[in-house]
Amino acid sequence: MIGTAHRARHAALGGLIAIGAAGLAAGQAPDNGGLPEGRERVNLDPADFTTRIDNPYYPLRPGDRPYVRR
């Protein structure tokens, strides 16, 4: 016997699948946010970069190197 929570989860999953299928059927490509695709050239401006690293989830100090598993 299937419980109420189980039925609700299946109904929600079915709804998400239906929405996704409708989006694919519409043939609309997702917005790439203006990023280059494929072999399009990338225009980088050095003034857009900084030496300040402030990611609290990946703190780096000068001289740190990311761990690379070999």
PDB file of N, CA and C in Angstrom:
ATOM      1  N   MET A   1       0.842  -1.175   0.000  1.00  0.00           N
ATOM      2  CA  MET A   1       0.000   0.000   0.000  1.00  0.00           C
ATOM      3  C   MET A   1       0.891   1.243   0.000  1.00  0.00           C
ATOM      4  N   ILE A   2       0.562   2.209  -0.821  1.00  0.00           N
ATOM      5  CA  ILE A   2       1.342   3.436  -0.952  1.00  0.00           C
ATOM      6  C   ILE A   2       0.757   4.494  -0.032  1.00  0.00           C
ATOM      7  N   GLY A   3       1.639   5.133   0.768  1.00  0.00           N
ATOM      8  CA  GLY A   3       1.198   6.155   1.707  1.00  0.00           C
ATOM      9  C   GLY A   3       0.930   7.478   1.019  1.00  0.00           C
ATOM     10  N   THR A   4       0.313   8.371   1.765  1.00  0.00           N
ATOM     11  CA  THR A   4      -0.037   9.692   1.235  1.00  0.00           C
ATOM     12  C   THR A   4       1.202  10.484   0.843  1.00  0.00           C
ATOM     13  N   ALA A   5       2.235  10.435   1.681  1.00  0.00           N
ATOM     14  CA  ALA A   5       3.460  11.170   1.374  1.00  0.00           C
ATOM     15  C   ALA A   5       4.107  10.624   0.107  1.00  0.00           C
ATOM     16  N   HIS A   6       4.059   9.317  -0.054  1.00  0.00           N
ATOM     17  CA  HIS A   6       4.637   8.683  -1.244  1.00  0.00           C
ATOM     18  C   HIS A   6       3.884   9.124  -2.504  1.00  0.00           C
ATOM     19  N   ARG A   7       2.560   9.171  -2.421  1.00  0.00           N
ATOM     20  CA  ARG A   7       1.747   9.619  -3.559  1.00  0.00           C
ATOM     21  C   ARG A   7       2.033  11.077  -3.897  1.00  0.00           C
ATOM     22  N   ALA A   8       2.153  11.906  -2.871  1.00  0.00           N
ATOM     23  CA  ALA A   8       2.421  13.330  -3.090  1.00  0.00           C
ATOM     24  C   ALA A   8       3.778  13.521  -3.759  1.00  0.00           C
ATOM     25  N   ARG A   9       4.770  12.745  -3.335  1.00  0.00           N
ATOM     26  CA  ARG A   9       6.099  12.841  -3.933  1.00  0.00           C
ATOM     27  C   ARG A   9       6.050  12.428  -5.400  1.00  0.00           C
ATOM     28  N   HIS A  10       5.317  11.372  -5.705  1.00  0.00           N
ATOM     29  CA  HIS A  10       5.194  10.923  -7.093  1.00  0.00           C
ATOM     30  C   HIS A  10       4.453  11.958  -7.937  1.00  0.00           C
ATOM     31  N   ALA A  11       3.424  12.582  -7.372  1.00  0.00           N
ATOM     32  CA  ALA A  11       2.674  13.599  -8.103  1.00  0.00           C
ATOM     33  C   ALA A  11       3.565  14.814  -8.393  1.00  0.00           C
ATOM     34  N   ALA A  12       4.368  15.223  -7.405  1.00  0.00           N
ATOM     35  CA  ALA A  12       5.259  16.366  -7.602  1.00  0.00           C
ATOM     36  C   ALA A  12       6.313  16.046  -8.659  1.00  0.00           C
ATOM     37  N   LEU A  13       6.874  14.858  -8.598  1.00  0.00           N
ATOM     38  CA  LEU A  13       7.871  14.454  -9.583  1.00  0.00           C
ATOM     39  C   LEU A  13       7.253  14.403 -10.978  1.00  0.00           C
ATOM     40  N   GLY A  14       6.056  13.880 -11.095  1.00  0.00           N
ATOM     41  CA  GLY A  14       5.373  13.844 -12.392  1.00  0.00           C
ATOM     42  C   GLY A  14       5.131  15.241 -12.942  1.00  0.00           C
ATOM     43  N   GLY A  15       4.777  16.171 -12.049  1.00  0.00           N
ATOM     44  CA  GLY A  15       4.564  17.558 -12.473  1.00  0.00           C
ATOM     45  C   GLY A  15       5.839  18.195 -12.982  1.00  0.00           C
ATOM     46  N   LEU A  16       6.940  17.959 -12.286  1.00  0.00           N
ATOM     47  CA  LEU A  16       8.224  18.507 -12.732  1.00  0.00           C
ATOM     48  C   LEU A  16       8.642  17.931 -14.078  1.00  0.00           C
ATOM     49  N   ILE A  17       8.427  16.653 -14.267  1.00  0.00           N
ATOM     50  CA  ILE A  17       8.757  16.024 -15.546  1.00  0.00           C
ATOM     51  C   ILE A  17       7.905  16.610 -16.659  1.00  0.00           C
ATOM     52  N   ALA A  18       6.635  16.836 -16.390  1.00  0.00           N
ATOM     53  CA  ALA A  18       5.740  17.406 -17.400  1.00  0.00           C
ATOM     54  C   ALA A  18       6.174  18.823 -17.773  1.00  0.00           C
ATOM     55  N   ILE A  19       6.559  19.614 -16.769  1.00  0.00           N
ATOM     56  CA  ILE A  19       7.000  20.982 -17.041  1.00  0.00           C
ATOM     57  C   ILE A  19       8.288  20.958 -17.871  1.00  0.00           C
ATOM     58  N   GLY A  20       9.208  20.067 -17.522  1.00  0.00           N
ATOM     59  CA  GLY A  20      10.449  19.953 -18.279  1.00  0.00           C
ATOM     60  C   GLY A  20      10.213  19.522 -19.706  1.00  0.00           C
ATOM     61  N   ALA A  21       9.308  18.562 -19.903  1.00  0.00           N
ATOM     62  CA  ALA A  21       8.999  18.096 -21.248  1.00  0.00           C
ATOM     63  C   ALA A  21       8.353  19.202 -22.074  1.00  0.00           C
ATOM     64  N   ALA A  22       7.500  20.003 -21.439  1.00  0.00           N
ATOM     65  CA  ALA A  22       6.864  21.105 -22.158  1.00  0.00           C
ATOM     66  C   ALA A  22       7.911  22.137 -22.581  1.00  0.00           C
ATOM     67  N   GLY A  23       8.883  22.375 -21.714  1.00  0.00           N
ATOM     68  CA  GLY A  23       9.943  23.326 -22.057  1.00  0.00           C
ATOM     69  C   GLY A  23      10.781  22.825 -23.214  1.00  0.00           C
ATOM     70  N   LEU A  24      11.083  21.537 -23.238  1.00  0.00           N
ATOM     71  CA  LEU A  24      11.849  20.974 -24.349  1.00  0.00           C
ATOM     72  C   LEU A  24      11.046  21.005 -25.646  1.00  0.00           C
ATOM     73  N   ALA A  25       9.772  20.746 -25.534  1.00  0.00           N
ATOM     74  CA  ALA A  25       8.925  20.738 -26.719  1.00  0.00           C
ATOM     75  C   ALA A  25       8.811  22.134 -27.329  1.00  0.00           C
ATOM     76  N   ALA A  26       8.894  23.152 -26.494  1.00  0.00           N
ATOM     77  CA  ALA A  26       8.796  24.526 -26.997  1.00  0.00           C
ATOM     78  C   ALA A  26      10.014  24.902 -27.819  1.00  0.00           C
ATOM     79  N   GLY A  27      11.111  24.177 -27.624  1.00  0.00           N
ATOM     80  CA  GLY A  27      12.299  24.413 -28.431  1.00  0.00           C
ATOM     81  C   GLY A  27      13.064  25.663 -28.071  1.00  0.00           C
ATOM     82  N   GLN A  28      12.847  26.167 -26.895  1.00  0.00           N
ATOM     83  CA  GLN A  28      13.555  27.373 -26.482  1.00  0.00           C
ATOM     84  C   GLN A  28      14.877  26.981 -25.834  1.00  0.00           C
ATOM     85  N   ALA A  29      15.948  27.535 -26.348  1.00  0.00           N
ATOM     86  CA  ALA A  29      17.265  27.278 -25.775  1.00  0.00           C
ATOM     87  C   ALA A  29      17.412  28.093 -24.496  1.00  0.00           C
ATOM     88  N   PRO A  30      18.078  27.549 -23.494  1.00  0.00           N
ATOM     89  CA  PRO A  30      18.272  28.315 -22.269  1.00  0.00           C
ATOM     90  C   PRO A  30      19.177  29.522 -22.518  1.00  0.00           C
ATOM     91  N   ASP A  31      18.917  30.604 -21.804  1.00  0.00           N
ATOM     92  CA  ASP A  31      19.728  31.815 -21.934  1.00  0.00           C
ATOM     93  C   ASP A  31      21.117  31.538 -21.376  1.00  0.00           C
ATOM     94  N   ASN A  32      22.146  31.862 -22.142  1.00  0.00           N
ATOM     95  CA  ASN A  32      23.512  31.602 -21.711  1.00  0.00           C
ATOM     96  C   ASN A  32      24.119  32.802 -20.991  1.00  0.00           C
ATOM     97  N   GLY A  33      23.353  33.823 -20.758  1.00  0.00           N
ATOM     98  CA  GLY A  33      23.839  34.978 -20.021  1.00  0.00           C
ATOM     99  C   GLY A  33      24.878  35.794 -20.764  1.00  0.00           C
ATOM    100  N   GLY A  34      24.914  35.689 -22.094  1.00  0.00           N
ATOM    101  CA  GLY A  34      25.874  36.455 -22.862  1.00  0.00           C
ATOM    102  C   GLY A  34      27.257  35.818 -22.946  1.00  0.00           C
ATOM    103  N   LEU A  35      27.382  34.584 -22.444  1.00  0.00           N
ATOM    104  CA  LEU A  35      28.676  33.908 -22.504  1.00  0.00           C
ATOM    105  C   LEU A  35      28.934  33.377 -23.899  1.00  0.00           C
ATOM    106  N   PRO A  36      30.203  33.331 -24.325  1.00  0.00           N
ATOM    107  CA  PRO A  36      30.513  32.774 -25.643  1.00  0.00           C
ATOM    108  C   PRO A  36      30.244  31.273 -25.670  1.00  0.00           C
ATOM    109  N   GLU A  37      29.890  30.785 -26.824  1.00  0.00           N
ATOM    110  CA  GLU A  37      29.608  29.363 -26.992  1.00  0.00           C
ATOM    111  C   GLU A  37      30.481  28.801 -28.101  1.00  0.00           C
ATOM    112  N   GLY A  38      30.820  27.533 -27.969  1.00  0.00           N
ATOM    113  CA  GLY A  38      31.587  26.866 -29.013  1.00  0.00           C
ATOM    114  C   GLY A  38      32.917  27.540 -29.268  1.00  0.00           C
ATOM    115  N   ARG A  39      33.139  27.934 -30.506  1.00  0.00           N
ATOM    116  CA  ARG A  39      34.422  28.539 -30.883  1.00  0.00           C
ATOM    117  C   ARG A  39      34.368  30.066 -30.929  1.00  0.00           C
ATOM    118  N   GLU A  40      33.335  30.651 -30.331  1.00  0.00           N
ATOM    119  CA  GLU A  40      33.259  32.110 -30.278  1.00  0.00           C
ATOM    120  C   GLU A  40      34.432  32.655 -29.464  1.00  0.00           C
ATOM    121  N   ARG A  41      34.970  33.783 -29.912  1.00  0.00           N
ATOM    122  CA  ARG A  41      36.104  34.395 -29.213  1.00  0.00           C
ATOM    123  C   ARG A  41      35.651  34.984 -27.885  1.00  0.00           C
ATOM    124  N   VAL A  42      36.559  34.957 -26.935  1.00  0.00           N
ATOM    125  CA  VAL A  42      36.301  35.520 -25.618  1.00  0.00           C
ATOM    126  C   VAL A  42      37.051  36.838 -25.513  1.00  0.00           C
ATOM    127  N   ASN A  43      36.358  37.884 -25.159  1.00  0.00           N
ATOM    128  CA  ASN A  43      36.986  39.188 -24.981  1.00  0.00           C
ATOM    129  C   ASN A  43      37.165  39.443 -23.493  1.00  0.00           C
ATOM    130  N   LEU A  44      38.417  39.419 -23.030  1.00  0.00           N
ATOM    131  CA  LEU A  44      38.719  39.642 -21.625  1.00  0.00           C
ATOM    132  C   LEU A  44      39.412  40.981 -21.458  1.00  0.00           C
ATOM    133  N   ASP A  45      39.007  41.710 -20.447  1.00  0.00           N
ATOM    134  CA  ASP A  45      39.630  42.984 -20.117  1.00  0.00           C
ATOM    135  C   ASP A  45      40.372  42.798 -18.800  1.00  0.00           C
ATOM    136  N   PRO A  46      41.693  42.949 -18.778  1.00  0.00           N
ATOM    137  CA  PRO A  46      42.450  42.766 -17.534  1.00  0.00           C
ATOM    138  C   PRO A  46      41.955  43.646 -16.386  1.00  0.00           C
ATOM    139  N   ALA A  47      41.334  44.761 -16.698  1.00  0.00           N
ATOM    140  CA  ALA A  47      40.826  45.649 -15.653  1.00  0.00           C
ATOM    141  C   ALA A  47      39.655  45.021 -14.897  1.00  0.00           C
ATOM    142  N   ASP A  48      39.032  43.981 -15.467  1.00  0.00           N
ATOM    143  CA  ASP A  48      37.906  43.308 -14.812  1.00  0.00           C
ATOM    144  C   ASP A  48      38.358  42.319 -13.737  1.00  0.00           C
ATOM    145  N   PHE A  49      39.645  42.053 -13.627  1.00  0.00           N
ATOM    146  CA  PHE A  49      40.161  41.071 -12.678  1.00  0.00           C
ATOM    147  C   PHE A  49      40.726  41.768 -11.446  1.00  0.00           C
ATOM    148  N   THR A  50      40.801  41.015 -10.356  1.00  0.00           N
ATOM    149  CA  THR A  50      41.323  41.563  -9.114  1.00  0.00           C
ATOM    150  C   THR A  50      42.248  40.547  -8.449  1.00  0.00           C
ATOM    151  N   THR A  51      43.091  41.012  -7.562  1.00  0.00           N
ATOM    152  CA  THR A  51      43.941  40.107  -6.802  1.00  0.00           C
ATOM    153  C   THR A  51      43.315  39.790  -5.447  1.00  0.00           C
ATOM    154  N   ARG A  52      42.189  40.420  -5.139  1.00  0.00           N
ATOM    155  CA  ARG A  52      41.502  40.189  -3.870  1.00  0.00           C
ATOM    156  C   ARG A  52      40.623  38.955  -4.002  1.00  0.00           C
ATOM    157  N   ILE A  53      40.917  37.958  -3.197  1.00  0.00           N
ATOM    158  CA  ILE A  53      40.122  36.732  -3.186  1.00  0.00           C
ATOM    159  C   ILE A  53      39.331  36.727  -1.886  1.00  0.00           C
ATOM    160  N   ASP A  54      38.004  36.727  -2.000  1.00  0.00           N
ATOM    161  CA  ASP A  54      37.182  36.852  -0.798  1.00  0.00           C
ATOM    162  C   ASP A  54      36.074  35.799  -0.701  1.00  0.00           C
ATOM    163  N   ASN A  55      36.341  34.615  -1.223  1.00  0.00           N
ATOM    164  CA  ASN A  55      35.356  33.551  -1.144  1.00  0.00           C
ATOM    165  C   ASN A  55      35.444  32.900   0.238  1.00  0.00           C
ATOM    166  N   PRO A  56      34.423  33.055   1.085  1.00  0.00           N
ATOM    167  CA  PRO A  56      34.502  32.485   2.439  1.00  0.00           C
ATOM    168  C   PRO A  56      34.488  30.957   2.439  1.00  0.00           C
ATOM    169  N   TYR A  57      34.033  30.340   1.357  1.00  0.00           N
ATOM    170  CA  TYR A  57      33.966  28.883   1.291  1.00  0.00           C
ATOM    171  C   TYR A  57      35.249  28.270   0.739  1.00  0.00           C
ATOM    172  N   TYR A  58      36.129  29.079   0.176  1.00  0.00           N
ATOM    173  CA  TYR A  58      37.395  28.594  -0.365  1.00  0.00           C
ATOM    174  C   TYR A  58      38.458  29.654  -0.108  1.00  0.00           C
ATOM    175  N   PRO A  59      38.794  29.852   1.173  1.00  0.00           N
ATOM    176  CA  PRO A  59      39.754  30.909   1.499  1.00  0.00           C
ATOM    177  C   PRO A  59      41.157  30.535   1.049  1.00  0.00           C
ATOM    178  N   LEU A  60      41.829  31.462   0.417  1.00  0.00           N
ATOM    179  CA  LEU A  60      43.205  31.261  -0.024  1.00  0.00           C
ATOM    180  C   LEU A  60      44.077  32.380   0.533  1.00  0.00           C
ATOM    181  N   ARG A  61      45.280  32.023   0.897  1.00  0.00           N
ATOM    182  CA  ARG A  61      46.271  33.008   1.324  1.00  0.00           C
ATOM    183  C   ARG A  61      47.338  33.083   0.246  1.00  0.00           C
ATOM    184  N   PRO A  62      48.125  34.145   0.198  1.00  0.00           N
ATOM    185  CA  PRO A  62      49.199  34.213  -0.789  1.00  0.00           C
ATOM    186  C   PRO A  62      50.121  32.996  -0.670  1.00  0.00           C
ATOM    187  N   GLY A  63      50.368  32.357  -1.792  1.00  0.00           N
ATOM    188  CA  GLY A  63      51.226  31.167  -1.831  1.00  0.00           C
ATOM    189  C   GLY A  63      50.480  29.866  -1.756  1.00  0.00           C
ATOM    190  N   ASP A  64      49.194  29.885  -1.388  1.00  0.00           N
ATOM    191  CA  ASP A  64      48.404  28.645  -1.341  1.00  0.00           C
ATOM    192  C   ASP A  64      48.236  28.084  -2.739  1.00  0.00           C
ATOM    193  N   ARG A  65      48.234  26.764  -2.820  1.00  0.00           N
ATOM    194  CA  ARG A  65      47.961  26.100  -4.088  1.00  0.00           C
ATOM    195  C   ARG A  65      46.849  25.094  -3.856  1.00  0.00           C
ATOM    196  N   PRO A  66      45.914  25.000  -4.768  1.00  0.00           N
ATOM    197  CA  PRO A  66      44.823  24.030  -4.569  1.00  0.00           C
ATOM    198  C   PRO A  66      45.368  22.612  -4.629  1.00  0.00           C
ATOM    199  N   TYR A  67      44.761  21.744  -3.847  1.00  0.00           N
ATOM    200  CA  TYR A  67      45.155  20.340  -3.830  1.00  0.00           C
ATOM    201  C   TYR A  67      44.724  19.694  -5.134  1.00  0.00           C
ATOM    202  N   VAL A  68      45.659  19.033  -5.787  1.00  0.00           N
ATOM    203  CA  VAL A  68      45.366  18.318  -7.038  1.00  0.00           C
ATOM    204  C   VAL A  68      45.648  16.843  -6.797  1.00  0.00           C
ATOM    205  N   ARG A  69      44.637  16.042  -6.940  1.00  0.00           N
ATOM    206  CA  ARG A  69      44.781  14.607  -6.736  1.00  0.00           C
ATOM    207  C   ARG A  69      45.369  13.964  -7.986  1.00  0.00           C
ATOM    208  N   ARG A  70      46.390  13.165  -7.812  1.00  0.00           N
ATOM    209  CA  ARG A  70      47.035  12.516  -8.961  1.00  0.00           C
ATOM    210  C   ARG A  70      46.906  11.032  -8.887  1.00  0.00           C
TER     211      ARG A  70
END
